[in-house]
Amino acid sequence: MLDKIQAGTSLGAAGGPGESSQAKTSPAQLLDAARQFESLLLSEMLKCIREASGSGWLGTGEDAAGDSAMALAQEQFAQALAQNGGLGLSKVIVKGLERAKP
C-alpha cells in the first residue's frame, strides 16, 4: 500500500521545463494522499488489535492461509473506512497542508 502512495503522488517532483521545483498539487490529489495515509494508519491499528487478541477474529486458530486472508480483509476494510470518512484524519491533514502552502 505504501508503494501506491509513493507512486501515486509526486508532491515534490518537478513537472517539466519552466515549472518551479515543487509540483502543483490539486485539492483532489491532496485529499487522495490524505485518505491513503489514513487507510494505512487504520490498517496498522486493525493489525495491532488482531495480534493483541491472541486468537483469530473468528475464534479459530491461526494458520498461514487465515493470516493472509485476514491481512487482505483488514487492508480492504481500512481502505473502505478511509474512503467514507474514517476517523476524519484526512480532512484535518488536507486543511493543515492547505494552510502550509506558500
PDB file of N, CA and C in Angstrom:
ATOM      1  N   MET A   1       0.820  -1.181   0.000  1.00  0.00           N
ATOM      2  CA  MET A   1       0.000   0.000   0.000  1.00  0.00           C
ATOM      3  C   MET A   1       0.869   1.251   0.000  1.00  0.00           C
ATOM      4  N   LEU A   2       1.983   1.223   0.739  1.00  0.00           N
ATOM      5  CA  LEU A   2       2.882   2.364   0.771  1.00  0.00           C
ATOM      6  C   LEU A   2       3.429   2.652  -0.613  1.00  0.00           C
ATOM      7  N   ASP A   3       3.661   1.606  -1.416  1.00  0.00           N
ATOM      8  CA  ASP A   3       4.129   1.788  -2.780  1.00  0.00           C
ATOM      9  C   ASP A   3       3.121   2.578  -3.599  1.00  0.00           C
ATOM     10  N   LYS A   4       1.821   2.297  -3.390  1.00  0.00           N
ATOM     11  CA  LYS A   4       0.774   3.018  -4.103  1.00  0.00           C
ATOM     12  C   LYS A   4       0.806   4.493  -3.750  1.00  0.00           C
ATOM     13  N   ILE A   5       1.025   4.778  -2.478  1.00  0.00           N
ATOM     14  CA  ILE A   5       1.059   6.170  -2.033  1.00  0.00           C
ATOM     15  C   ILE A   5       2.237   6.892  -2.663  1.00  0.00           C
ATOM     16  N   GLN A   6       3.405   6.271  -2.629  1.00  0.00           N
ATOM     17  CA  GLN A   6       4.598   6.899  -3.174  1.00  0.00           C
ATOM     18  C   GLN A   6       4.524   7.039  -4.685  1.00  0.00           C
ATOM     19  N   ALA A   7       3.990   6.029  -5.381  1.00  0.00           N
ATOM     20  CA  ALA A   7       3.898   6.072  -6.831  1.00  0.00           C
ATOM     21  C   ALA A   7       2.795   7.007  -7.305  1.00  0.00           C
ATOM     22  N   GLY A   8       1.709   7.084  -6.557  1.00  0.00           N
ATOM     23  CA  GLY A   8       0.552   7.856  -6.989  1.00  0.00           C
ATOM     24  C   GLY A   8       0.641   9.338  -6.715  1.00  0.00           C
ATOM     25  N   THR A   9       1.522   9.752  -5.851  1.00  0.00           N
ATOM     26  CA  THR A   9       1.629  11.165  -5.524  1.00  0.00           C
ATOM     27  C   THR A   9       3.067  11.608  -5.659  1.00  0.00           C
ATOM     28  N   SER A  10       3.267  12.666  -6.388  1.00  0.00           N
ATOM     29  CA  SER A  10       4.613  13.212  -6.544  1.00  0.00           C
ATOM     30  C   SER A  10       4.587  14.639  -6.043  1.00  0.00           C
ATOM     31  N   LEU A  11       4.535  14.793  -4.735  1.00  0.00           N
ATOM     32  CA  LEU A  11       4.367  16.115  -4.138  1.00  0.00           C
ATOM     33  C   LEU A  11       5.601  16.996  -4.279  1.00  0.00           C
ATOM     34  N   GLY A  12       6.769  16.401  -4.496  1.00  0.00           N
ATOM     35  CA  GLY A  12       7.963  17.218  -4.552  1.00  0.00           C
ATOM     36  C   GLY A  12       8.683  17.163  -5.875  1.00  0.00           C
ATOM     37  N   ALA A  13       8.140  16.503  -6.882  1.00  0.00           N
ATOM     38  CA  ALA A  13       8.830  16.348  -8.157  1.00  0.00           C
ATOM     39  C   ALA A  13       8.487  17.508  -9.078  1.00  0.00           C
ATOM     40  N   ALA A  14       9.446  17.877  -9.921  1.00  0.00           N
ATOM     41  CA  ALA A  14       9.217  18.923 -10.905  1.00  0.00           C
ATOM     42  C   ALA A  14       8.375  18.369 -12.038  1.00  0.00           C
ATOM     43  N   GLY A  15       7.444  19.158 -12.538  1.00  0.00           N
ATOM     44  CA  GLY A  15       6.529  18.700 -13.565  1.00  0.00           C
ATOM     45  C   GLY A  15       7.082  18.779 -14.966  1.00  0.00           C
ATOM     46  N   GLY A  16       8.038  19.629 -15.237  1.00  0.00           N
ATOM     47  CA  GLY A  16       8.589  19.758 -16.572  1.00  0.00           C
ATOM     48  C   GLY A  16       9.369  21.048 -16.694  1.00  0.00           C
ATOM     49  N   PRO A  17       9.833  21.339 -17.908  1.00  0.00           N
ATOM     50  CA  PRO A  17      10.633  22.544 -18.113  1.00  0.00           C
ATOM     51  C   PRO A  17       9.822  23.808 -17.839  1.00  0.00           C
ATOM     52  N   GLY A  18      10.460  24.761 -17.198  1.00  0.00           N
ATOM     53  CA  GLY A  18       9.816  26.030 -16.932  1.00  0.00           C
ATOM     54  C   GLY A  18       8.953  26.054 -15.694  1.00  0.00           C
ATOM     55  N   GLU A  19       8.784  24.916 -15.023  1.00  0.00           N
ATOM     56  CA  GLU A  19       7.976  24.892 -13.808  1.00  0.00           C
ATOM     57  C   GLU A  19       8.878  25.019 -12.592  1.00  0.00           C
ATOM     58  N   SER A  20       8.274  25.398 -11.481  1.00  0.00           N
ATOM     59  CA  SER A  20       9.048  25.533 -10.250  1.00  0.00           C
ATOM     60  C   SER A  20       9.497  24.166  -9.766  1.00  0.00           C
ATOM     61  N   SER A  21      10.358  24.141  -8.747  1.00  0.00           N
ATOM     62  CA  SER A  21      10.877  22.870  -8.246  1.00  0.00           C
ATOM     63  C   SER A  21       9.816  22.069  -7.505  1.00  0.00           C
ATOM     64  N   GLN A  22       8.745  22.705  -7.078  1.00  0.00           N
ATOM     65  CA  GLN A  22       7.652  21.980  -6.428  1.00  0.00           C
ATOM     66  C   GLN A  22       6.517  21.794  -7.415  1.00  0.00           C
ATOM     67  N   ALA A  23       6.006  20.574  -7.482  1.00  0.00           N
ATOM     68  CA  ALA A  23       4.877  20.290  -8.362  1.00  0.00           C
ATOM     69  C   ALA A  23       3.615  20.913  -7.789  1.00  0.00           C
ATOM     70  N   LYS A  24       2.738  21.328  -8.665  1.00  0.00           N
ATOM     71  CA  LYS A  24       1.451  21.873  -8.239  1.00  0.00           C
ATOM     72  C   LYS A  24       0.533  20.694  -7.935  1.00  0.00           C
ATOM     73  N   THR A  25      -0.059  20.717  -6.762  1.00  0.00           N
ATOM     74  CA  THR A  25      -0.965  19.637  -6.383  1.00  0.00           C
ATOM     75  C   THR A  25      -2.368  20.198  -6.278  1.00  0.00           C
ATOM     76  N   SER A  26      -3.299  19.454  -6.798  1.00  0.00           N
ATOM     77  CA  SER A  26      -4.693  19.874  -6.743  1.00  0.00           C
ATOM     78  C   SER A  26      -5.283  19.444  -5.397  1.00  0.00           C
ATOM     79  N   PRO A  27      -6.387  20.058  -4.999  1.00  0.00           N
ATOM     80  CA  PRO A  27      -7.055  19.628  -3.763  1.00  0.00           C
ATOM     81  C   PRO A  27      -7.463  18.155  -3.812  1.00  0.00           C
ATOM     82  N   ALA A  28      -7.833  17.667  -5.001  1.00  0.00           N
ATOM     83  CA  ALA A  28      -8.215  16.254  -5.131  1.00  0.00           C
ATOM     84  C   ALA A  28      -7.019  15.339  -4.867  1.00  0.00           C
ATOM     85  N   GLN A  29      -5.828  15.730  -5.334  1.00  0.00           N
ATOM     86  CA  GLN A  29      -4.625  14.936  -5.089  1.00  0.00           C
ATOM     87  C   GLN A  29      -4.265  14.932  -3.606  1.00  0.00           C
ATOM     88  N   LEU A  30      -4.407  16.085  -2.953  1.00  0.00           N
ATOM     89  CA  LEU A  30      -4.125  16.156  -1.525  1.00  0.00           C
ATOM     90  C   LEU A  30      -5.083  15.274  -0.738  1.00  0.00           C
ATOM     91  N   LEU A  31      -6.366  15.327  -1.084  1.00  0.00           N
ATOM     92  CA  LEU A  31      -7.363  14.517  -0.393  1.00  0.00           C
ATOM     93  C   LEU A  31      -7.097  13.028  -0.611  1.00  0.00           C
ATOM     94  N   ASP A  32      -6.728  12.651  -1.831  1.00  0.00           N
ATOM     95  CA  ASP A  32      -6.433  11.253  -2.127  1.00  0.00           C
ATOM     96  C   ASP A  32      -5.229  10.778  -1.309  1.00  0.00           C
ATOM     97  N   ALA A  33      -4.176  11.579  -1.258  1.00  0.00           N
ATOM     98  CA  ALA A  33      -2.996  11.202  -0.479  1.00  0.00           C
ATOM     99  C   ALA A  33      -3.328  11.109   1.010  1.00  0.00           C
ATOM    100  N   ALA A  34      -4.143  12.033   1.504  1.00  0.00           N
ATOM    101  CA  ALA A  34      -4.534  12.013   2.914  1.00  0.00           C
ATOM    102  C   ALA A  34      -5.384  10.785   3.229  1.00  0.00           C
ATOM    103  N   ARG A  35      -6.272  10.412   2.317  1.00  0.00           N
ATOM    104  CA  ARG A  35      -7.096   9.209   2.519  1.00  0.00           C
ATOM    105  C   ARG A  35      -6.235   7.951   2.493  1.00  0.00           C
ATOM    106  N   GLN A  36      -5.247   7.909   1.614  1.00  0.00           N
ATOM    107  CA  GLN A  36      -4.357   6.758   1.567  1.00  0.00           C
ATOM    108  C   GLN A  36      -3.556   6.644   2.869  1.00  0.00           C
ATOM    109  N   PHE A  37      -3.117   7.776   3.392  1.00  0.00           N
ATOM    110  CA  PHE A  37      -2.390   7.767   4.664  1.00  0.00           C
ATOM    111  C   PHE A  37      -3.295   7.281   5.787  1.00  0.00           C
ATOM    112  N   GLU A  38      -4.532   7.782   5.820  1.00  0.00           N
ATOM    113  CA  GLU A  38      -5.475   7.362   6.856  1.00  0.00           C
ATOM    114  C   GLU A  38      -5.777   5.871   6.730  1.00  0.00           C
ATOM    115  N   SER A  39      -5.886   5.383   5.510  1.00  0.00           N
ATOM    116  CA  SER A  39      -6.121   3.960   5.278  1.00  0.00           C
ATOM    117  C   SER A  39      -4.966   3.121   5.813  1.00  0.00           C
ATOM    118  N   LEU A  40      -3.743   3.570   5.571  1.00  0.00           N
ATOM    119  CA  LEU A  40      -2.560   2.866   6.079  1.00  0.00           C
ATOM    120  C   LEU A  40      -2.552   2.851   7.600  1.00  0.00           C
ATOM    121  N   LEU A  41      -2.881   3.967   8.211  1.00  0.00           N
ATOM    122  CA  LEU A  41      -2.925   4.058   9.670  1.00  0.00           C
ATOM    123  C   LEU A  41      -4.007   3.137  10.238  1.00  0.00           C
ATOM    124  N   LEU A  42      -5.195   3.139   9.639  1.00  0.00           N
ATOM    125  CA  LEU A  42      -6.280   2.270  10.102  1.00  0.00           C
ATOM    126  C   LEU A  42      -5.911   0.799   9.951  1.00  0.00           C
ATOM    127  N   SER A  43      -5.250   0.462   8.858  1.00  0.00           N
ATOM    128  CA  SER A  43      -4.835  -0.922   8.635  1.00  0.00           C
ATOM    129  C   SER A  43      -3.860  -1.378   9.713  1.00  0.00           C
ATOM    130  N   GLU A  44      -2.923  -0.522  10.071  1.00  0.00           N
ATOM    131  CA  GLU A  44      -1.959  -0.866  11.123  1.00  0.00           C
ATOM    132  C   GLU A  44      -2.641  -0.984  12.483  1.00  0.00           C
ATOM    133  N   MET A  45      -3.630  -0.132  12.743  1.00  0.00           N
ATOM    134  CA  MET A  45      -4.366  -0.227  14.002  1.00  0.00           C
ATOM    135  C   MET A  45      -5.126  -1.547  14.080  1.00  0.00           C
ATOM    136  N   LEU A  46      -5.785  -1.926  12.984  1.00  0.00           N
ATOM    137  CA  LEU A  46      -6.514  -3.187  12.952  1.00  0.00           C
ATOM    138  C   LEU A  46      -5.570  -4.377  13.126  1.00  0.00           C
ATOM    139  N   LYS A  47      -4.394  -4.283  12.534  1.00  0.00           N
ATOM    140  CA  LYS A  47      -3.400  -5.351  12.655  1.00  0.00           C
ATOM    141  C   LYS A  47      -2.967  -5.511  14.114  1.00  0.00           C
ATOM    142  N   CYS A  48      -2.714  -4.406  14.787  1.00  0.00           N
ATOM    143  CA  CYS A  48      -2.317  -4.460  16.202  1.00  0.00           C
ATOM    144  C   CYS A  48      -3.418  -5.053  17.067  1.00  0.00           C
ATOM    145  N   ILE A  49      -4.657  -4.689  16.781  1.00  0.00           N
ATOM    146  CA  ILE A  49      -5.782  -5.225  17.547  1.00  0.00           C
ATOM    147  C   ILE A  49      -5.883  -6.733  17.345  1.00  0.00           C
ATOM    148  N   ARG A  50      -5.754  -7.161  16.095  1.00  0.00           N
ATOM    149  CA  ARG A  50      -5.868  -8.591  15.793  1.00  0.00           C
ATOM    150  C   ARG A  50      -4.743  -9.377  16.459  1.00  0.00           C
ATOM    151  N   GLU A  51      -3.518  -8.839  16.418  1.00  0.00           N
ATOM    152  CA  GLU A  51      -2.390  -9.537  17.024  1.00  0.00           C
ATOM    153  C   GLU A  51      -2.490  -9.568  18.545  1.00  0.00           C
ATOM    154  N   ALA A  52      -3.044  -8.522  19.138  1.00  0.00           N
ATOM    155  CA  ALA A  52      -3.153  -8.454  20.594  1.00  0.00           C
ATOM    156  C   ALA A  52      -4.238  -9.373  21.142  1.00  0.00           C
ATOM    157  N   SER A  53      -5.191  -9.729  20.306  1.00  0.00           N
ATOM    158  CA  SER A  53      -6.296 -10.555  20.796  1.00  0.00           C
ATOM    159  C   SER A  53      -5.859 -11.984  21.100  1.00  0.00           C
ATOM    160  N   GLY A  54      -4.775 -12.439  20.507  1.00  0.00           N
ATOM    161  CA  GLY A  54      -4.261 -13.769  20.792  1.00  0.00           C
ATOM    162  C   GLY A  54      -4.883 -14.880  19.979  1.00  0.00           C
ATOM    163  N   SER A  55      -6.119 -14.742  19.575  1.00  0.00           N
ATOM    164  CA  SER A  55      -6.754 -15.752  18.730  1.00  0.00           C
ATOM    165  C   SER A  55      -7.276 -15.061  17.482  1.00  0.00           C
ATOM    166  N   GLY A  56      -7.694 -15.825  16.529  1.00  0.00           N
ATOM    167  CA  GLY A  56      -8.228 -15.262  15.304  1.00  0.00           C
ATOM    168  C   GLY A  56      -9.506 -14.485  15.558  1.00  0.00           C
ATOM    169  N   TRP A  57      -9.856 -13.604  14.645  1.00  0.00           N
ATOM    170  CA  TRP A  57     -11.065 -12.804  14.786  1.00  0.00           C
ATOM    171  C   TRP A  57     -12.302 -13.677  14.781  1.00  0.00           C
ATOM    172  N   LEU A  58     -12.191 -14.818  14.145  1.00  0.00           N
ATOM    173  CA  LEU A  58     -13.348 -15.697  14.042  1.00  0.00           C
ATOM    174  C   LEU A  58     -13.362 -16.741  15.148  1.00  0.00           C
ATOM    175  N   GLY A  59     -12.430 -16.635  16.093  1.00  0.00           N
ATOM    176  CA  GLY A  59     -12.379 -17.564  17.205  1.00  0.00           C
ATOM    177  C   GLY A  59     -11.688 -18.874  16.880  1.00  0.00           C
ATOM    178  N   THR A  60     -11.058 -18.946  15.724  1.00  0.00           N
ATOM    179  CA  THR A  60     -10.363 -20.161  15.336  1.00  0.00           C
ATOM    180  C   THR A  60      -8.869 -19.969  15.492  1.00  0.00           C
ATOM    181  N   GLY A  61      -8.134 -21.056  15.398  1.00  0.00           N
ATOM    182  CA  GLY A  61      -6.680 -20.980  15.462  1.00  0.00           C
ATOM    183  C   GLY A  61      -6.107 -20.306  14.229  1.00  0.00           C
ATOM    184  N   GLU A  62      -4.902 -19.825  14.348  1.00  0.00           N
ATOM    185  CA  GLU A  62      -4.251 -19.133  13.249  1.00  0.00           C
ATOM    186  C   GLU A  62      -3.513 -20.130  12.358  1.00  0.00           C
ATOM    187  N   ASP A  63      -3.543 -19.880  11.063  1.00  0.00           N
ATOM    188  CA  ASP A  63      -2.741 -20.627  10.114  1.00  0.00           C
ATOM    189  C   ASP A  63      -2.315 -19.659   9.013  1.00  0.00           C
ATOM    190  N   ALA A  64      -1.440 -20.095   8.123  1.00  0.00           N
ATOM    191  CA  ALA A  64      -0.890 -19.200   7.101  1.00  0.00           C
ATOM    192  C   ALA A  64      -1.983 -18.668   6.171  1.00  0.00           C
ATOM    193  N   ALA A  65      -2.886 -19.541   5.748  1.00  0.00           N
ATOM    194  CA  ALA A  65      -3.955 -19.106   4.846  1.00  0.00           C
ATOM    195  C   ALA A  65      -4.888 -18.114   5.545  1.00  0.00           C
ATOM    196  N   GLY A  66      -5.197 -18.398   6.803  1.00  0.00           N
ATOM    197  CA  GLY A  66      -6.054 -17.495   7.567  1.00  0.00           C
ATOM    198  C   GLY A  66      -5.404 -16.141   7.783  1.00  0.00           C
ATOM    199  N   ASP A  67      -4.102 -16.146   8.065  1.00  0.00           N
ATOM    200  CA  ASP A  67      -3.371 -14.890   8.240  1.00  0.00           C
ATOM    201  C   ASP A  67      -3.398 -14.050   6.971  1.00  0.00           C
ATOM    202  N   SER A  68      -3.172 -14.698   5.825  1.00  0.00           N
ATOM    203  CA  SER A  68      -3.179 -13.985   4.543  1.00  0.00           C
ATOM    204  C   SER A  68      -4.553 -13.415   4.248  1.00  0.00           C
ATOM    205  N   ALA A  69      -5.583 -14.207   4.473  1.00  0.00           N
ATOM    206  CA  ALA A  69      -6.947 -13.748   4.213  1.00  0.00           C
ATOM    207  C   ALA A  69      -7.309 -12.584   5.126  1.00  0.00           C
ATOM    208  N   MET A  70      -6.954 -12.674   6.392  1.00  0.00           N
ATOM    209  CA  MET A  70      -7.274 -11.602   7.334  1.00  0.00           C
ATOM    210  C   MET A  70      -6.497 -10.328   7.027  1.00  0.00           C
ATOM    211  N   ALA A  71      -5.242 -10.473   6.604  1.00  0.00           N
ATOM    212  CA  ALA A  71      -4.446  -9.288   6.243  1.00  0.00           C
ATOM    213  C   ALA A  71      -5.071  -8.571   5.057  1.00  0.00           C
ATOM    214  N   LEU A  72      -5.496  -9.322   4.063  1.00  0.00           N
ATOM    215  CA  LEU A  72      -6.148  -8.722   2.896  1.00  0.00           C
ATOM    216  C   LEU A  72      -7.476  -8.084   3.294  1.00  0.00           C
ATOM    217  N   ALA A  73      -8.242  -8.776   4.117  1.00  0.00           N
ATOM    218  CA  ALA A  73      -9.536  -8.256   4.549  1.00  0.00           C
ATOM    219  C   ALA A  73      -9.377  -6.974   5.361  1.00  0.00           C
ATOM    220  N   GLN A  74      -8.398  -6.934   6.263  1.00  0.00           N
ATOM    221  CA  GLN A  74      -8.242  -5.727   7.076  1.00  0.00           C
ATOM    222  C   GLN A  74      -7.739  -4.560   6.235  1.00  0.00           C
ATOM    223  N   GLU A  75      -6.932  -4.812   5.210  1.00  0.00           N
ATOM    224  CA  GLU A  75      -6.485  -3.732   4.333  1.00  0.00           C
ATOM    225  C   GLU A  75      -7.661  -3.171   3.541  1.00  0.00           C
ATOM    226  N   GLN A  76      -8.499  -4.046   3.005  1.00  0.00           N
ATOM    227  CA  GLN A  76      -9.667  -3.602   2.255  1.00  0.00           C
ATOM    228  C   GLN A  76     -10.652  -2.856   3.156  1.00  0.00           C
ATOM    229  N   PHE A  77     -10.833  -3.348   4.368  1.00  0.00           N
ATOM    230  CA  PHE A  77     -11.720  -2.695   5.326  1.00  0.00           C
ATOM    231  C   PHE A  77     -11.196  -1.301   5.677  1.00  0.00           C
ATOM    232  N   ALA A  78      -9.899  -1.189   5.894  1.00  0.00           N
ATOM    233  CA  ALA A  78      -9.300   0.104   6.211  1.00  0.00           C
ATOM    234  C   ALA A  78      -9.457   1.077   5.051  1.00  0.00           C
ATOM    235  N   GLN A  79      -9.284   0.607   3.817  1.00  0.00           N
ATOM    236  CA  GLN A  79      -9.464   1.475   2.650  1.00  0.00           C
ATOM    237  C   GLN A  79     -10.910   1.952   2.553  1.00  0.00           C
ATOM    238  N   ALA A  80     -11.851   1.048   2.770  1.00  0.00           N
ATOM    239  CA  ALA A  80     -13.265   1.426   2.714  1.00  0.00           C
ATOM    240  C   ALA A  80     -13.607   2.442   3.803  1.00  0.00           C
ATOM    241  N   LEU A  81     -13.075   2.228   5.008  1.00  0.00           N
ATOM    242  CA  LEU A  81     -13.307   3.191   6.090  1.00  0.00           C
ATOM    243  C   LEU A  81     -12.763   4.564   5.730  1.00  0.00           C
ATOM    244  N   ALA A  82     -11.532   4.613   5.240  1.00  0.00           N
ATOM    245  CA  ALA A  82     -10.897   5.888   4.916  1.00  0.00           C
ATOM    246  C   ALA A  82     -11.637   6.603   3.787  1.00  0.00           C
ATOM    247  N   GLN A  83     -12.110   5.866   2.785  1.00  0.00           N
ATOM    248  CA  GLN A  83     -12.830   6.481   1.668  1.00  0.00           C
ATOM    249  C   GLN A  83     -14.180   7.053   2.098  1.00  0.00           C
ATOM    250  N   ASN A  84     -14.722   6.550   3.204  1.00  0.00           N
ATOM    251  CA  ASN A  84     -16.034   7.002   3.675  1.00  0.00           C
ATOM    252  C   ASN A  84     -15.947   7.824   4.952  1.00  0.00           C
ATOM    253  N   GLY A  85     -14.849   8.494   5.150  1.00  0.00           N
ATOM    254  CA  GLY A  85     -14.728   9.389   6.295  1.00  0.00           C
ATOM    255  C   GLY A  85     -13.789   8.904   7.370  1.00  0.00           C
ATOM    256  N   GLY A  86     -13.718   7.604   7.588  1.00  0.00           N
ATOM    257  CA  GLY A  86     -12.794   7.032   8.560  1.00  0.00           C
ATOM    258  C   GLY A  86     -12.859   7.719   9.906  1.00  0.00           C
ATOM    259  N   LEU A  87     -11.710   8.123  10.388  1.00  0.00           N
ATOM    260  CA  LEU A  87     -11.612   8.833  11.664  1.00  0.00           C
ATOM    261  C   LEU A  87     -11.648  10.342  11.489  1.00  0.00           C
ATOM    262  N   GLY A  88     -11.738  10.796  10.252  1.00  0.00           N
ATOM    263  CA  GLY A  88     -11.745  12.230   9.970  1.00  0.00           C
ATOM    264  C   GLY A  88     -10.359  12.821   9.837  1.00  0.00           C
ATOM    265  N   LEU A  89      -9.335  11.973   9.847  1.00  0.00           N
ATOM    266  CA  LEU A  89      -7.964  12.472   9.765  1.00  0.00           C
ATOM    267  C   LEU A  89      -7.640  13.085   8.412  1.00  0.00           C
ATOM    268  N   SER A  90      -8.195  12.527   7.340  1.00  0.00           N
ATOM    269  CA  SER A  90      -7.857  13.037   6.006  1.00  0.00           C
ATOM    270  C   SER A  90      -8.270  14.498   5.859  1.00  0.00           C
ATOM    271  N   LYS A  91      -9.407  14.884   6.399  1.00  0.00           N
ATOM    272  CA  LYS A  91      -9.840  16.281   6.323  1.00  0.00           C
ATOM    273  C   LYS A  91      -8.901  17.197   7.102  1.00  0.00           C
ATOM    274  N   VAL A  92      -8.478  16.729   8.263  1.00  0.00           N
ATOM    275  CA  VAL A  92      -7.562  17.517   9.094  1.00  0.00           C
ATOM    276  C   VAL A  92      -6.212  17.668   8.393  1.00  0.00           C
ATOM    277  N   ILE A  93      -5.737  16.595   7.787  1.00  0.00           N
ATOM    278  CA  ILE A  93      -4.456  16.628   7.080  1.00  0.00           C
ATOM    279  C   ILE A  93      -4.529  17.595   5.903  1.00  0.00           C
ATOM    280  N   VAL A  94      -5.605  17.525   5.119  1.00  0.00           N
ATOM    281  CA  VAL A  94      -5.754  18.407   3.961  1.00  0.00           C
ATOM    282  C   VAL A  94      -5.803  19.862   4.404  1.00  0.00           C
ATOM    283  N   LYS A  95      -6.560  20.161   5.455  1.00  0.00           N
ATOM    284  CA  LYS A  95      -6.629  21.547   5.953  1.00  0.00           C
ATOM    285  C   LYS A  95      -5.256  22.041   6.382  1.00  0.00           C
ATOM    286  N   GLY A  96      -4.508  21.185   7.076  1.00  0.00           N
ATOM    287  CA  GLY A  96      -3.162  21.569   7.506  1.00  0.00           C
ATOM    288  C   GLY A  96      -2.224  21.807   6.343  1.00  0.00           C
ATOM    289  N   LEU A  97      -2.300  20.953   5.328  1.00  0.00           N
ATOM    290  CA  LEU A  97      -1.438  21.121   4.150  1.00  0.00           C
ATOM    291  C   LEU A  97      -1.826  22.365   3.346  1.00  0.00           C
ATOM    292  N   GLU A  98      -3.116  22.635   3.260  1.00  0.00           N
ATOM    293  CA  GLU A  98      -3.551  23.823   2.529  1.00  0.00           C
ATOM    294  C   GLU A  98      -3.115  25.098   3.237  1.00  0.00           C
ATOM    295  N   ARG A  99      -3.135  25.086   4.557  1.00  0.00           N
ATOM    296  CA  ARG A  99      -2.681  26.257   5.321  1.00  0.00           C
ATOM    297  C   ARG A  99      -1.176  26.456   5.185  1.00  0.00           C
ATOM    298  N   ALA A 100      -0.441  25.362   5.007  1.00  0.00           N
ATOM    299  CA  ALA A 100       1.013  25.433   4.943  1.00  0.00           C
ATOM    300  C   ALA A 100       1.532  25.833   3.570  1.00  0.00           C
ATOM    301  N   LYS A 101       0.643  25.870   2.555  1.00  0.00           N
ATOM    302  CA  LYS A 101       1.061  26.248   1.204  1.00  0.00           C
ATOM    303  C   LYS A 101       1.506  27.699   1.195  1.00  0.00           C
ATOM    304  N   PRO A 102       2.570  27.989   0.448  1.00  0.00           N
ATOM    305  CA  PRO A 102       3.032  29.389   0.335  1.00  0.00           C
ATOM    306  C   PRO A 102       2.110  30.244  -0.495  1.00  0.00           C
TER     307      PRO A 102
END
